[in-house]
C-alpha cells in the first residue's frame, strides 16, 4: 500500500476536511479531520477510520497505523496545524 492509497480509502469512506498519511510502507501515521468526529470519543473516531480500511488492517496490507483525529473545530484550535 502507498500513502495515497490509504488516504484515498479513508476519504472514500469518511468525509474529510483534511487528511495526511505518511509512512514507510508498513508503519503509517494519519491525521484526519472530519465533522464525523464531533462529539465522538477517541475510540469511536478510530473505529470510523479503521472501518474505511476494512480487511486491509487484518491481512497485514497495513501493518500498523497511528491515527490522530480532530473535528474541524478542534483542528482550528489545535497547535498541530499551526
N, C-alpha and C. Protein backbone atom coordinates (compact mmCIF):
# COMPACT_ATOMS: atom_id res chain seq x y z
N UNK A 1 0.85 -1.18 0.00
CA UNK A 1 0.00 0.00 0.00
C UNK A 1 0.89 1.24 0.00
N UNK A 2 0.37 2.27 -0.59
CA UNK A 2 1.05 3.56 -0.58
C UNK A 2 0.26 4.53 0.28
N UNK A 3 0.90 5.63 0.63
CA UNK A 3 0.22 6.65 1.42
C UNK A 3 -1.01 7.17 0.68
N UNK A 4 -0.88 7.35 -0.62
CA UNK A 4 -2.01 7.86 -1.41
C UNK A 4 -3.16 6.86 -1.44
N UNK A 5 -2.87 5.57 -1.50
CA UNK A 5 -3.93 4.56 -1.48
C UNK A 5 -4.67 4.57 -0.15
N UNK A 6 -3.92 4.66 0.93
CA UNK A 6 -4.55 4.72 2.26
C UNK A 6 -5.39 5.98 2.39
N UNK A 7 -4.83 7.08 1.97
CA UNK A 7 -5.54 8.37 2.01
C UNK A 7 -6.85 8.27 1.22
N UNK A 8 -6.79 7.70 0.02
CA UNK A 8 -7.98 7.57 -0.83
C UNK A 8 -9.04 6.68 -0.19
N UNK A 9 -8.62 5.59 0.44
CA UNK A 9 -9.56 4.70 1.11
C UNK A 9 -10.28 5.41 2.26
N UNK A 10 -9.52 6.13 3.05
CA UNK A 10 -10.13 6.85 4.18
C UNK A 10 -11.10 7.90 3.65
N UNK A 11 -10.67 8.65 2.65
CA UNK A 11 -11.52 9.71 2.10
C UNK A 11 -12.78 9.15 1.43
N UNK A 12 -12.70 7.96 0.86
CA UNK A 12 -13.86 7.35 0.22
C UNK A 12 -14.92 6.91 1.24
N UNK A 13 -14.47 6.61 2.46
CA UNK A 13 -15.40 6.12 3.46
C UNK A 13 -15.76 7.10 4.55
N UNK A 14 -15.13 8.27 4.54
CA UNK A 14 -15.32 9.23 5.61
C UNK A 14 -15.15 10.65 5.05
N UNK A 15 -16.12 11.53 5.28
CA UNK A 15 -15.94 12.90 4.80
C UNK A 15 -14.81 13.58 5.57
N UNK A 16 -13.77 14.01 4.84
CA UNK A 16 -12.59 14.59 5.48
C UNK A 16 -12.39 16.03 5.03
N UNK A 17 -12.21 16.90 6.00
CA UNK A 17 -11.86 18.27 5.69
C UNK A 17 -10.36 18.41 5.46
N UNK A 18 -9.60 17.49 6.07
CA UNK A 18 -8.15 17.50 5.93
C UNK A 18 -7.65 16.10 6.27
N UNK A 19 -6.64 15.64 5.54
CA UNK A 19 -6.05 14.34 5.84
C UNK A 19 -4.62 14.29 5.33
N UNK A 20 -3.75 13.73 6.15
CA UNK A 20 -2.39 13.43 5.71
C UNK A 20 -2.09 11.99 6.11
N UNK A 21 -1.32 11.32 5.29
CA UNK A 21 -0.87 9.96 5.59
C UNK A 21 0.61 9.89 5.24
N UNK A 22 1.38 9.40 6.17
CA UNK A 22 2.83 9.25 5.96
C UNK A 22 3.25 7.88 6.49
N UNK A 23 4.32 7.36 5.92
CA UNK A 23 4.83 6.10 6.43
C UNK A 23 5.91 5.51 5.56
N UNK A 24 6.32 4.31 5.95
CA UNK A 24 7.44 3.66 5.28
C UNK A 24 7.04 2.42 4.50
N UNK A 25 5.75 2.21 4.30
CA UNK A 25 5.29 1.04 3.58
C UNK A 25 4.69 -0.03 4.48
N UNK A 26 5.01 0.02 5.75
CA UNK A 26 4.44 -0.91 6.74
C UNK A 26 3.87 -0.17 7.94
N UNK A 27 4.56 0.85 8.38
CA UNK A 27 4.13 1.63 9.55
C UNK A 27 3.67 3.00 9.06
N UNK A 28 2.44 3.33 9.40
CA UNK A 28 1.82 4.55 8.88
C UNK A 28 1.32 5.44 10.01
N UNK A 29 1.23 6.73 9.71
CA UNK A 29 0.58 7.66 10.63
C UNK A 29 -0.37 8.52 9.78
N UNK A 30 -1.52 8.78 10.35
CA UNK A 30 -2.53 9.58 9.65
C UNK A 30 -3.07 10.64 10.59
N UNK A 31 -3.29 11.82 10.04
CA UNK A 31 -4.01 12.88 10.73
C UNK A 31 -5.27 13.11 9.92
N UNK A 32 -6.42 12.96 10.58
CA UNK A 32 -7.69 13.04 9.89
C UNK A 32 -8.59 14.05 10.60
N UNK A 33 -9.11 14.99 9.82
CA UNK A 33 -10.05 15.99 10.34
C UNK A 33 -11.38 15.73 9.66
N UNK A 34 -12.41 15.47 10.45
CA UNK A 34 -13.72 15.17 9.89
C UNK A 34 -14.82 15.66 10.82
N UNK A 35 -15.87 16.19 10.23
CA UNK A 35 -17.03 16.61 11.03
C UNK A 35 -17.71 15.39 11.65
N UNK A 36 -17.44 14.21 11.13
CA UNK A 36 -18.00 12.98 11.70
C UNK A 36 -17.47 12.70 13.10
N UNK A 37 -16.36 13.33 13.48
CA UNK A 37 -15.76 13.10 14.78
C UNK A 37 -16.35 13.97 15.89
N UNK A 38 -17.12 14.98 15.52
CA UNK A 38 -17.69 15.88 16.52
C UNK A 38 -18.49 15.08 17.53
N UNK A 39 -18.25 15.31 18.78
CA UNK A 39 -18.93 14.69 19.93
C UNK A 39 -18.69 13.18 20.05
N UNK A 40 -17.70 12.65 19.36
CA UNK A 40 -17.36 11.24 19.50
C UNK A 40 -16.08 11.08 20.32
N UNK A 41 -16.02 10.00 21.07
CA UNK A 41 -14.83 9.70 21.85
C UNK A 41 -13.74 9.15 20.93
N UNK A 42 -12.51 9.14 21.44
CA UNK A 42 -11.36 8.73 20.66
C UNK A 42 -11.53 7.33 20.05
N UNK A 43 -12.00 6.38 20.84
CA UNK A 43 -12.15 5.01 20.35
C UNK A 43 -13.14 4.98 19.18
N UNK A 44 -14.24 5.68 19.28
CA UNK A 44 -15.24 5.70 18.21
C UNK A 44 -14.66 6.35 16.95
N UNK A 45 -13.84 7.37 17.12
CA UNK A 45 -13.21 8.04 15.97
C UNK A 45 -12.28 7.06 15.25
N UNK A 46 -11.46 6.37 16.03
CA UNK A 46 -10.53 5.41 15.43
C UNK A 46 -11.28 4.28 14.74
N UNK A 47 -12.39 3.85 15.32
CA UNK A 47 -13.19 2.80 14.69
C UNK A 47 -13.73 3.27 13.35
N UNK A 48 -14.12 4.53 13.25
CA UNK A 48 -14.60 5.07 11.97
C UNK A 48 -13.49 5.02 10.92
N UNK A 49 -12.28 5.39 11.31
CA UNK A 49 -11.16 5.36 10.36
C UNK A 49 -10.83 3.92 9.99
N UNK A 50 -10.72 3.03 10.97
CA UNK A 50 -10.41 1.63 10.69
C UNK A 50 -11.46 1.00 9.78
N UNK A 51 -12.72 1.38 9.95
CA UNK A 51 -13.79 0.82 9.11
C UNK A 51 -13.58 1.15 7.64
N UNK A 52 -12.98 2.30 7.36
CA UNK A 52 -12.74 2.66 5.95
C UNK A 52 -11.66 1.78 5.33
N UNK A 53 -10.82 1.19 6.15
CA UNK A 53 -9.72 0.36 5.65
C UNK A 53 -10.08 -1.12 5.60
N UNK A 54 -11.15 -1.48 6.28
CA UNK A 54 -11.68 -2.83 6.21
C UNK A 54 -10.65 -3.92 6.47
N UNK A 55 -10.69 -4.93 5.63
CA UNK A 55 -9.85 -6.13 5.80
C UNK A 55 -8.37 -5.84 5.69
N UNK A 56 -8.00 -4.72 5.13
CA UNK A 56 -6.57 -4.39 4.96
C UNK A 56 -5.84 -4.33 6.31
N UNK A 57 -6.58 -3.99 7.36
CA UNK A 57 -5.98 -3.95 8.69
C UNK A 57 -5.78 -5.37 9.25
N UNK A 58 -6.50 -6.33 8.71
CA UNK A 58 -6.44 -7.70 9.23
C UNK A 58 -5.58 -8.61 8.35
N UNK A 59 -5.27 -8.19 7.15
CA UNK A 59 -4.49 -9.03 6.24
C UNK A 59 -3.05 -8.56 6.14
N UNK A 60 -2.66 -7.63 6.96
CA UNK A 60 -1.29 -7.11 7.01
C UNK A 60 -0.92 -6.22 5.82
N UNK A 61 -1.91 -5.83 5.00
CA UNK A 61 -1.61 -4.84 3.96
C UNK A 61 -1.18 -3.53 4.62
N UNK A 62 -1.79 -3.26 5.78
CA UNK A 62 -1.38 -2.13 6.60
C UNK A 62 -0.97 -2.72 7.94
N UNK A 63 0.32 -2.79 8.17
CA UNK A 63 0.83 -3.45 9.37
C UNK A 63 0.50 -2.65 10.64
N UNK A 64 0.73 -1.34 10.60
CA UNK A 64 0.47 -0.51 11.77
C UNK A 64 0.03 0.87 11.32
N UNK A 65 -0.95 1.43 12.02
CA UNK A 65 -1.46 2.76 11.70
C UNK A 65 -1.68 3.54 12.98
N UNK A 66 -0.97 4.64 13.10
CA UNK A 66 -1.16 5.57 14.21
C UNK A 66 -2.08 6.68 13.70
N UNK A 67 -3.12 6.99 14.46
CA UNK A 67 -4.13 7.95 13.99
C UNK A 67 -4.27 9.10 14.97
N UNK A 68 -4.30 10.32 14.43
CA UNK A 68 -4.68 11.50 15.18
C UNK A 68 -5.96 12.00 14.54
N UNK A 69 -7.00 12.18 15.33
CA UNK A 69 -8.29 12.60 14.80
C UNK A 69 -8.73 13.91 15.44
N UNK A 70 -9.36 14.74 14.63
CA UNK A 70 -9.85 16.05 15.08
C UNK A 70 -11.17 16.36 14.40
N UNK A 71 -12.06 17.00 15.13
CA UNK A 71 -13.21 17.62 14.49
C UNK A 71 -12.69 18.92 13.86
N UNK A 72 -13.42 19.52 12.93
CA UNK A 72 -12.94 20.78 12.35
C UNK A 72 -12.68 21.87 13.40
N UNK A 73 -13.53 21.95 14.41
CA UNK A 73 -13.35 22.95 15.47
C UNK A 73 -12.08 22.67 16.27
N UNK A 74 -11.86 21.41 16.62
CA UNK A 74 -10.64 21.04 17.35
C UNK A 74 -9.41 21.35 16.51
N UNK A 75 -9.47 21.07 15.22
CA UNK A 75 -8.36 21.31 14.31
C UNK A 75 -8.04 22.80 14.24
N UNK A 76 -9.07 23.62 14.16
CA UNK A 76 -8.88 25.07 14.09
C UNK A 76 -8.19 25.60 15.34
N UNK A 77 -8.43 24.96 16.48
CA UNK A 77 -7.86 25.40 17.74
C UNK A 77 -6.59 24.64 18.13
N UNK A 78 -6.16 23.71 17.29
CA UNK A 78 -5.03 22.85 17.60
C UNK A 78 -3.71 23.52 17.25
N UNK A 79 -2.70 23.21 18.04
CA UNK A 79 -1.35 23.68 17.72
C UNK A 79 -0.69 22.79 16.68
N UNK A 80 -1.27 21.63 16.40
CA UNK A 80 -0.73 20.69 15.42
C UNK A 80 -0.74 21.29 14.02
N UNK A 81 -1.78 22.05 13.69
CA UNK A 81 -1.91 22.57 12.33
C UNK A 81 -1.31 23.96 12.16
N UNK A 82 -0.63 24.45 13.15
CA UNK A 82 -0.02 25.78 13.08
C UNK A 82 1.36 25.72 12.49
